[in-house]
Amino acid sequence: MTDVRVALALSGAVGRHGQLQAIKPLSLTIAENEVLALIGANGAGKTTLMRMIAGLHSFAEGALQLFGQDVTAMSAHDRVKAGIALSPEGRRLFGDMTVRENLMIAAENGRRGEWTLPTACDAFPQITPLLDRPAGGLSGGQRQAVAIARALVANPSVLLLDEVSLGLSPAAVDGVYQSLAGLRGKMTMVVVEQDLTRAMEFAGRLICMAEGVLELDGNPATLTRDQITNAYFGIHKTAEASHA
């Protein structure tokens, strides 16, 4: 049996917003080509953790390794070149540029590889007719598809997807996930998802965060709804406190 390589390894990671400790000492390993869904209530620390991995938020403590290389001190720009790409919450496209220009900027600042403008359009065919339209005039679903395609053309080995379905219609979410399904096995994916059913169906591993701590980590096929709900809302913590 071939050993599975570790793509990402966080050890003792702490993230702060001023005096607020948004991520408490957190250790986590994610395997090469693993699909991991990250869930949790608002304020749980999901976006902060994703931004820390992407290099957009500094580690107050701890370390991050990418395929065994310590990248903790590496800038966000250099992490893209090393193989980490983020499709951020809110899409954050350049609204006054065309879709094509948004994609080409990412391609020029990423790595060389199989993902190019044509192959990204193959993966997300809904963006092909939009290439020469300003990104600012797109619908939410179109913007999300472009944002993910923009991350892809940087040729990541680790793709971070923050709030995939937030603000999208059910039809738009279906379209995005149909495209994402074709990426399985080609790269490591970490997906922040508010739709619990969608997260459980898509990912091979589910992590629930609460107040900056990993509360639950397991296979969605073997976790119960009660286990997930309790971790999501910190119900067991409330029960423990009431019996203290």
C-alpha atoms as a PDB file:
ATOM      1  CA  MET A   1       0.000   0.000   0.000  1.00  0.00           C
ATOM      2  CA  THR A   2       1.358   3.398  -1.013  1.00  0.00           C
ATOM      3  CA  ASP A   3       1.860   5.875   1.812  1.00  0.00           C
ATOM      4  CA  VAL A   4      -0.364   8.924   1.517  1.00  0.00           C
ATOM      5  CA  ARG A   5       1.589  12.169   1.588  1.00  0.00           C
ATOM      6  CA  VAL A   6       0.612  14.958   3.946  1.00  0.00           C
ATOM      7  CA  ALA A   7      -0.249  18.074   1.966  1.00  0.00           C
ATOM      8  CA  LEU A   8      -0.834  20.498   4.842  1.00  0.00           C
ATOM      9  CA  ALA A   9       0.273  20.239   8.455  1.00  0.00           C
ATOM     10  CA  LEU A  10      -0.639  22.870  11.033  1.00  0.00           C
ATOM     11  CA  SER A  11       0.966  22.581  14.451  1.00  0.00           C
ATOM     12  CA  GLY A  12      -0.001  24.729  17.422  1.00  0.00           C
ATOM     13  CA  ALA A  13      -1.518  27.354  15.117  1.00  0.00           C
ATOM     14  CA  VAL A  14      -2.847  30.460  16.857  1.00  0.00           C
ATOM     15  CA  GLY A  15      -4.574  33.334  15.074  1.00  0.00           C
ATOM     16  CA  ARG A  16      -5.488  36.643  16.674  1.00  0.00           C
ATOM     17  CA  HIS A  17      -7.552  39.708  15.836  1.00  0.00           C
ATOM     18  CA  GLY A  18      -6.051  42.222  18.229  1.00  0.00           C
ATOM     19  CA  GLN A  19      -6.646  40.841  21.716  1.00  0.00           C
ATOM     20  CA  LEU A  20      -9.170  38.290  20.465  1.00  0.00           C
ATOM     21  CA  GLN A  21      -7.794  34.794  19.966  1.00  0.00           C
ATOM     22  CA  ALA A  22      -9.790  33.656  16.936  1.00  0.00           C
ATOM     23  CA  ILE A  23      -7.823  30.418  16.469  1.00  0.00           C
ATOM     24  CA  LYS A  24      -6.702  28.647  19.628  1.00  0.00           C
ATOM     25  CA  PRO A  25      -3.709  26.266  19.540  1.00  0.00           C
ATOM     26  CA  LEU A  26      -4.774  24.069  16.652  1.00  0.00           C
ATOM     27  CA  SER A  27      -3.022  21.116  15.021  1.00  0.00           C
ATOM     28  CA  LEU A  28      -4.299  19.466  11.865  1.00  0.00           C
ATOM     29  CA  THR A  29      -2.984  17.365   8.986  1.00  0.00           C
ATOM     30  CA  ILE A  30      -4.632  17.124   5.578  1.00  0.00           C
ATOM     31  CA  ALA A  31      -3.603  14.457   3.093  1.00  0.00           C
ATOM     32  CA  GLU A  32      -2.691  14.903  -0.550  1.00  0.00           C
ATOM     33  CA  ASN A  33      -5.847  14.976  -2.710  1.00  0.00           C
ATOM     34  CA  GLU A  34      -8.099  14.825   0.353  1.00  0.00           C
ATOM     35  CA  VAL A  35     -11.431  16.674   0.199  1.00  0.00           C
ATOM     36  CA  LEU A  36     -12.132  18.231   3.586  1.00  0.00           C
ATOM     37  CA  ALA A  37     -15.226  20.236   4.509  1.00  0.00           C
ATOM     38  CA  LEU A  38     -14.937  22.810   7.286  1.00  0.00           C
ATOM     39  CA  ILE A  39     -18.152  23.806   9.047  1.00  0.00           C
ATOM     40  CA  GLY A  40     -19.084  25.884  12.072  1.00  0.00           C
ATOM     41  CA  ALA A  41     -21.237  28.764  13.200  1.00  0.00           C
ATOM     42  CA  ASN A  42     -20.432  32.393  12.434  1.00  0.00           C
ATOM     43  CA  GLY A  43     -17.390  33.439  14.431  1.00  0.00           C
ATOM     44  CA  ALA A  44     -16.073  29.887  14.762  1.00  0.00           C
ATOM     45  CA  GLY A  45     -12.783  30.870  13.090  1.00  0.00           C
ATOM     46  CA  LYS A  46     -13.213  29.179   9.717  1.00  0.00           C
ATOM     47  CA  THR A  47     -12.322  32.145   7.513  1.00  0.00           C
ATOM     48  CA  THR A  48      -9.453  33.173   9.778  1.00  0.00           C
ATOM     49  CA  LEU A  49      -8.016  29.659   9.504  1.00  0.00           C
ATOM     50  CA  MET A  50      -8.326  29.690   5.710  1.00  0.00           C
ATOM     51  CA  ARG A  51      -6.650  33.094   5.526  1.00  0.00           C
ATOM     52  CA  MET A  52      -3.841  31.878   7.779  1.00  0.00           C
ATOM     53  CA  ILE A  53      -3.211  28.922   5.473  1.00  0.00           C
ATOM     54  CA  ALA A  54      -3.274  31.229   2.432  1.00  0.00           C
ATOM     55  CA  GLY A  55      -0.842  33.697   4.054  1.00  0.00           C
ATOM     56  CA  LEU A  56      -3.327  36.556   4.345  1.00  0.00           C
ATOM     57  CA  HIS A  57      -3.446  36.444   8.148  1.00  0.00           C
ATOM     58  CA  SER A  58      -0.324  35.981  10.244  1.00  0.00           C
ATOM     59  CA  PHE A  59       0.323  33.129  12.622  1.00  0.00           C
ATOM     60  CA  ALA A  60       0.580  34.513  16.155  1.00  0.00           C
ATOM     61  CA  GLU A  61       2.044  31.161  17.146  1.00  0.00           C
ATOM     62  CA  GLY A  62       2.617  27.774  15.547  1.00  0.00           C
ATOM     63  CA  ALA A  63       3.683  26.616  12.111  1.00  0.00           C
ATOM     64  CA  LEU A  64       2.415  25.509   8.713  1.00  0.00           C
ATOM     65  CA  GLN A  65       4.065  22.977   6.435  1.00  0.00           C
ATOM     66  CA  LEU A  66       3.212  22.387   2.792  1.00  0.00           C
ATOM     67  CA  PHE A  67       4.369  18.924   1.705  1.00  0.00           C
ATOM     68  CA  GLY A  68       6.998  19.016   4.463  1.00  0.00           C
ATOM     69  CA  GLN A  69       8.274  22.537   3.708  1.00  0.00           C
ATOM     70  CA  ASP A  70       7.825  25.152   6.421  1.00  0.00           C
ATOM     71  CA  VAL A  71       5.908  28.016   4.813  1.00  0.00           C
ATOM     72  CA  THR A  72       4.879  29.851   8.003  1.00  0.00           C
ATOM     73  CA  ALA A  73       6.922  32.952   7.181  1.00  0.00           C
ATOM     74  CA  MET A  74       6.115  32.867   3.462  1.00  0.00           C
ATOM     75  CA  SER A  75       4.042  35.706   1.969  1.00  0.00           C
ATOM     76  CA  ALA A  76       0.649  35.089   0.395  1.00  0.00           C
ATOM     77  CA  HIS A  77       2.145  35.761  -3.052  1.00  0.00           C
ATOM     78  CA  ASP A  78       4.872  33.194  -2.496  1.00  0.00           C
ATOM     79  CA  ARG A  79       2.413  30.654  -1.141  1.00  0.00           C
ATOM     80  CA  VAL A  80       0.502  30.893  -4.417  1.00  0.00           C
ATOM     81  CA  LYS A  81       3.717  30.098  -6.246  1.00  0.00           C
ATOM     82  CA  ALA A  82       4.348  27.222  -3.799  1.00  0.00           C
ATOM     83  CA  GLY A  83       0.940  25.721  -4.559  1.00  0.00           C
ATOM     84  CA  ILE A  84      -1.715  27.173  -2.222  1.00  0.00           C
ATOM     85  CA  ALA A  85      -4.603  29.080  -3.828  1.00  0.00           C
ATOM     86  CA  LEU A  86      -7.652  30.611  -2.128  1.00  0.00           C
ATOM     87  CA  SER A  87     -11.063  31.367  -3.555  1.00  0.00           C
ATOM     88  CA  PRO A  88     -12.092  33.835  -0.836  1.00  0.00           C
ATOM     89  CA  GLU A  89     -15.387  34.561   0.847  1.00  0.00           C
ATOM     90  CA  GLY A  90     -17.103  37.291  -1.162  1.00  0.00           C
ATOM     91  CA  ARG A  91     -15.304  36.226  -4.423  1.00  0.00           C
ATOM     92  CA  ARG A  92     -13.236  39.486  -4.504  1.00  0.00           C
ATOM     93  CA  LEU A  93     -12.942  39.769  -8.265  1.00  0.00           C
ATOM     94  CA  PHE A  94     -11.667  42.910  -9.988  1.00  0.00           C
ATOM     95  CA  GLY A  95     -15.059  44.258 -10.983  1.00  0.00           C
ATOM     96  CA  ASP A  96     -13.861  46.716 -13.625  1.00  0.00           C
ATOM     97  CA  MET A  97     -11.808  44.045 -15.412  1.00  0.00           C
ATOM     98  CA  THR A  98     -13.175  41.381 -17.714  1.00  0.00           C
ATOM     99  CA  VAL A  99     -13.417  37.775 -16.617  1.00  0.00           C
ATOM    100  CA  ARG A 100     -10.564  36.954 -18.963  1.00  0.00           C
ATOM    101  CA  GLU A 101      -8.358  39.624 -17.391  1.00  0.00           C
ATOM    102  CA  ASN A 102      -9.158  38.361 -13.883  1.00  0.00           C
ATOM    103  CA  LEU A 103      -8.094  34.860 -14.884  1.00  0.00           C
ATOM    104  CA  MET A 104      -4.964  35.927 -16.717  1.00  0.00           C
ATOM    105  CA  ILE A 105      -3.661  37.954 -13.754  1.00  0.00           C
ATOM    106  CA  ALA A 106      -3.955  34.847 -11.579  1.00  0.00           C
ATOM    107  CA  ALA A 107      -2.297  32.668 -14.210  1.00  0.00           C
ATOM    108  CA  GLU A 108       0.635  35.056 -14.534  1.00  0.00           C
ATOM    109  CA  ASN A 109       1.219  35.050 -10.776  1.00  0.00           C
ATOM    110  CA  GLY A 110       0.817  31.332 -10.192  1.00  0.00           C
ATOM    111  CA  ARG A 111       2.645  28.183 -11.239  1.00  0.00           C
ATOM    112  CA  ARG A 112       2.844  26.585 -14.647  1.00  0.00           C
ATOM    113  CA  GLY A 113       0.794  23.429 -15.060  1.00  0.00           C
ATOM    114  CA  GLU A 114      -2.253  21.797 -16.597  1.00  0.00           C
ATOM    115  CA  TRP A 115      -4.639  24.553 -15.553  1.00  0.00           C
ATOM    116  CA  THR A 116      -4.841  27.283 -18.176  1.00  0.00           C
ATOM    117  CA  LEU A 117      -7.639  29.535 -19.395  1.00  0.00           C
ATOM    118  CA  PRO A 118      -8.974  26.809 -21.763  1.00  0.00           C
ATOM    119  CA  THR A 119      -8.821  23.984 -19.201  1.00  0.00           C
ATOM    120  CA  ALA A 120     -10.436  26.173 -16.519  1.00  0.00           C
ATOM    121  CA  CYS A 121     -13.230  26.939 -18.973  1.00  0.00           C
ATOM    122  CA  ASP A 122     -13.595  23.211 -19.621  1.00  0.00           C
ATOM    123  CA  ALA A 123     -13.990  22.635 -15.876  1.00  0.00           C
ATOM    124  CA  PHE A 124     -16.375  25.576 -15.485  1.00  0.00           C
ATOM    125  CA  PRO A 125     -18.111  25.833 -18.890  1.00  0.00           C
ATOM    126  CA  GLN A 126     -20.543  28.420 -17.549  1.00  0.00           C
ATOM    127  CA  ILE A 127     -17.768  31.052 -17.638  1.00  0.00           C
ATOM    128  CA  THR A 128     -16.855  30.623 -21.330  1.00  0.00           C
ATOM    129  CA  PRO A 129     -19.540  33.039 -22.637  1.00  0.00           C
ATOM    130  CA  LEU A 130     -18.586  35.517 -19.906  1.00  0.00           C
ATOM    131  CA  LEU A 131     -14.896  35.925 -20.722  1.00  0.00           C
ATOM    132  CA  ASP A 132     -15.182  39.393 -22.218  1.00  0.00           C
ATOM    133  CA  ARG A 133     -17.740  40.731 -19.769  1.00  0.00           C
ATOM    134  CA  PRO A 134     -16.791  42.924 -16.782  1.00  0.00           C
ATOM    135  CA  ALA A 135     -16.672  40.796 -13.653  1.00  0.00           C
ATOM    136  CA  GLY A 136     -18.628  43.418 -11.725  1.00  0.00           C
ATOM    137  CA  GLY A 137     -21.769  42.743 -13.730  1.00  0.00           C
ATOM    138  CA  LEU A 138     -21.990  39.001 -13.092  1.00  0.00           C
ATOM    139  CA  SER A 139     -24.522  37.138 -10.982  1.00  0.00           C
ATOM    140  CA  GLY A 140     -23.481  35.548  -7.701  1.00  0.00           C
ATOM    141  CA  GLY A 141     -23.195  32.069  -9.195  1.00  0.00           C
ATOM    142  CA  GLN A 142     -21.184  33.358 -12.146  1.00  0.00           C
ATOM    143  CA  ARG A 143     -18.843  35.264  -9.838  1.00  0.00           C
ATOM    144  CA  GLN A 144     -18.283  32.182  -7.716  1.00  0.00           C
ATOM    145  CA  ALA A 145     -17.442  30.058 -10.769  1.00  0.00           C
ATOM    146  CA  VAL A 146     -14.982  32.720 -11.960  1.00  0.00           C
ATOM    147  CA  ALA A 147     -13.414  33.029  -8.508  1.00  0.00           C
ATOM    148  CA  ILE A 148     -12.769  29.278  -8.342  1.00  0.00           C
ATOM    149  CA  ALA A 149     -11.477  29.200 -11.924  1.00  0.00           C
ATOM    150  CA  ARG A 150      -9.152  32.086 -11.028  1.00  0.00           C
ATOM    151  CA  ALA A 151      -7.720  30.003  -8.183  1.00  0.00           C
ATOM    152  CA  LEU A 152      -7.363  26.998 -10.493  1.00  0.00           C
ATOM    153  CA  VAL A 153      -5.268  28.761 -13.128  1.00  0.00           C
ATOM    154  CA  ALA A 154      -2.628  29.371 -10.438  1.00  0.00           C
ATOM    155  CA  ASN A 155      -2.174  25.564 -10.599  1.00  0.00           C
ATOM    156  CA  PRO A 156      -2.488  24.820  -6.890  1.00  0.00           C
ATOM    157  CA  SER A 157      -1.820  21.528  -5.186  1.00  0.00           C
ATOM    158  CA  VAL A 158      -4.014  22.838  -2.329  1.00  0.00           C
ATOM    159  CA  LEU A 159      -7.253  24.634  -3.226  1.00  0.00           C
ATOM    160  CA  LEU A 160      -8.987  26.582  -0.441  1.00  0.00           C
ATOM    161  CA  LEU A 161     -12.655  27.409  -1.062  1.00  0.00           C
ATOM    162  CA  ASP A 162     -14.257  29.757   1.458  1.00  0.00           C
ATOM    163  CA  GLU A 163     -18.085  29.843   1.713  1.00  0.00           C
ATOM    164  CA  VAL A 164     -18.812  28.121  -1.575  1.00  0.00           C
ATOM    165  CA  SER A 165     -22.605  28.393  -1.495  1.00  0.00           C
ATOM    166  CA  LEU A 166     -23.041  31.624   0.484  1.00  0.00           C
ATOM    167  CA  GLY A 167     -25.580  33.899  -1.165  1.00  0.00           C
ATOM    168  CA  LEU A 168     -26.154  31.641  -4.172  1.00  0.00           C
ATOM    169  CA  SER A 169     -29.387  30.198  -5.537  1.00  0.00           C
ATOM    170  CA  PRO A 170     -29.824  26.402  -5.297  1.00  0.00           C
ATOM    171  CA  ALA A 171     -29.355  26.115  -9.062  1.00  0.00           C
ATOM    172  CA  ALA A 172     -26.110  28.096  -8.942  1.00  0.00           C
ATOM    173  CA  VAL A 173     -24.818  25.957  -6.056  1.00  0.00           C
ATOM    174  CA  ASP A 174     -25.619  22.804  -8.045  1.00  0.00           C
ATOM    175  CA  GLY A 175     -23.656  24.121 -11.013  1.00  0.00           C
ATOM    176  CA  VAL A 176     -20.604  25.026  -8.942  1.00  0.00           C
ATOM    177  CA  TYR A 177     -20.513  21.668  -7.163  1.00  0.00           C
ATOM    178  CA  GLN A 178     -20.934  19.756 -10.413  1.00  0.00           C
ATOM    179  CA  SER A 179     -17.762  21.448 -11.619  1.00  0.00           C
ATOM    180  CA  LEU A 180     -15.948  20.900  -8.314  1.00  0.00           C
ATOM    181  CA  ALA A 181     -16.713  17.178  -8.461  1.00  0.00           C
ATOM    182  CA  GLY A 182     -14.456  16.957 -11.510  1.00  0.00           C
ATOM    183  CA  LEU A 183     -11.500  18.222  -9.437  1.00  0.00           C
ATOM    184  CA  ARG A 184     -11.555  15.304  -6.985  1.00  0.00           C
ATOM    185  CA  GLY A 185      -8.300  13.372  -6.997  1.00  0.00           C
ATOM    186  CA  LYS A 186      -6.435  16.186  -8.757  1.00  0.00           C
ATOM    187  CA  MET A 187      -5.644  18.349  -5.730  1.00  0.00           C
ATOM    188  CA  THR A 188      -6.258  18.750  -2.025  1.00  0.00           C
ATOM    189  CA  MET A 189      -9.447  20.718  -1.371  1.00  0.00           C
ATOM    190  CA  VAL A 190     -10.516  22.454   1.832  1.00  0.00           C
ATOM    191  CA  VAL A 191     -14.090  23.716   1.555  1.00  0.00           C
ATOM    192  CA  VAL A 192     -15.836  26.033   4.006  1.00  0.00           C
ATOM    193  CA  GLU A 193     -19.528  25.301   3.553  1.00  0.00           C
ATOM    194  CA  GLN A 194     -22.620  26.570   5.394  1.00  0.00           C
ATOM    195  CA  ASP A 195     -24.876  23.911   3.837  1.00  0.00           C
ATOM    196  CA  LEU A 196     -24.360  20.859   6.054  1.00  0.00           C
ATOM    197  CA  THR A 197     -26.016  18.414   3.663  1.00  0.00           C
ATOM    198  CA  ARG A 198     -23.873  19.633   0.790  1.00  0.00           C
ATOM    199  CA  ALA A 199     -20.714  19.417   2.889  1.00  0.00           C
ATOM    200  CA  MET A 200     -21.469  15.843   3.961  1.00  0.00           C
ATOM    201  CA  GLU A 201     -22.211  14.744   0.407  1.00  0.00           C
ATOM    202  CA  PHE A 202     -19.153  16.351  -1.164  1.00  0.00           C
ATOM    203  CA  ALA A 203     -16.322  15.806   1.297  1.00  0.00           C
ATOM    204  CA  GLY A 204     -14.525  12.671   2.402  1.00  0.00           C
ATOM    205  CA  ARG A 205     -13.793  14.246   5.785  1.00  0.00           C
ATOM    206  CA  LEU A 206     -15.698  16.735   7.893  1.00  0.00           C
ATOM    207  CA  ILE A 207     -14.324  19.083  10.532  1.00  0.00           C
ATOM    208  CA  CYS A 208     -16.468  21.239  12.786  1.00  0.00           C
ATOM    209  CA  MET A 209     -15.010  24.314  14.472  1.00  0.00           C
ATOM    210  CA  ALA A 210     -16.401  26.253  17.431  1.00  0.00           C
ATOM    211  CA  GLU A 211     -14.765  29.286  19.034  1.00  0.00           C
ATOM    212  CA  GLY A 212     -11.432  28.654  17.323  1.00  0.00           C
ATOM    213  CA  VAL A 213     -11.216  24.991  18.351  1.00  0.00           C
ATOM    214  CA  LEU A 214     -11.653  21.774  16.337  1.00  0.00           C
ATOM    215  CA  GLU A 215     -14.701  20.178  17.957  1.00  0.00           C
ATOM    216  CA  LEU A 216     -15.277  17.252  15.605  1.00  0.00           C
ATOM    217  CA  ASP A 217     -13.218  15.463  12.952  1.00  0.00           C
ATOM    218  CA  GLY A 218     -14.452  12.418  11.075  1.00  0.00           C
ATOM    219  CA  ASN A 219     -15.904  10.709   8.024  1.00  0.00           C
ATOM    220  CA  PRO A 220     -19.299  12.206   7.099  1.00  0.00           C
ATOM    221  CA  ALA A 221     -20.562   8.701   6.324  1.00  0.00           C
ATOM    222  CA  THR A 222     -20.051   7.587   9.933  1.00  0.00           C
ATOM    223  CA  LEU A 223     -20.922  10.801  11.797  1.00  0.00           C
ATOM    224  CA  THR A 224     -24.491  11.283  12.995  1.00  0.00           C
ATOM    225  CA  ARG A 225     -26.480  14.469  12.619  1.00  0.00           C
ATOM    226  CA  ASP A 226     -26.653  14.718  16.410  1.00  0.00           C
ATOM    227  CA  GLN A 227     -22.861  14.526  16.726  1.00  0.00           C
ATOM    228  CA  ILE A 228     -22.426  17.252  14.141  1.00  0.00           C
ATOM    229  CA  THR A 229     -25.193  19.462  15.534  1.00  0.00           C
ATOM    230  CA  ASN A 230     -23.836  19.174  19.074  1.00  0.00           C
ATOM    231  CA  ALA A 231     -20.334  20.122  17.921  1.00  0.00           C
ATOM    232  CA  TYR A 232     -21.666  22.962  15.746  1.00  0.00           C
ATOM    233  CA  PHE A 233     -23.612  24.579  18.581  1.00  0.00           C
ATOM    234  CA  GLY A 234     -21.304  23.523  21.421  1.00  0.00           C
ATOM    235  CA  ILE A 235     -24.177  21.696  23.132  1.00  0.00           C
ATOM    236  CA  HIS A 236     -21.869  19.334  25.021  1.00  0.00           C
ATOM    237  CA  LYS A 237     -19.966  22.359  26.373  1.00  0.00           C
ATOM    238  CA  THR A 238     -23.218  23.858  27.651  1.00  0.00           C
ATOM    239  CA  ALA A 239     -24.124  20.557  29.329  1.00  0.00           C
ATOM    240  CA  GLU A 240     -20.668  20.279  30.914  1.00  0.00           C
ATOM    241  CA  ALA A 241     -20.901  23.830  32.257  1.00  0.00           C
ATOM    242  CA  SER A 242     -24.356  23.207  33.766  1.00  0.00           C
ATOM    243  CA  HIS A 243     -23.046  20.179  35.669  1.00  0.00           C
ATOM    244  CA  ALA A 244     -19.874  21.884  36.892  1.00  0.00           C
END
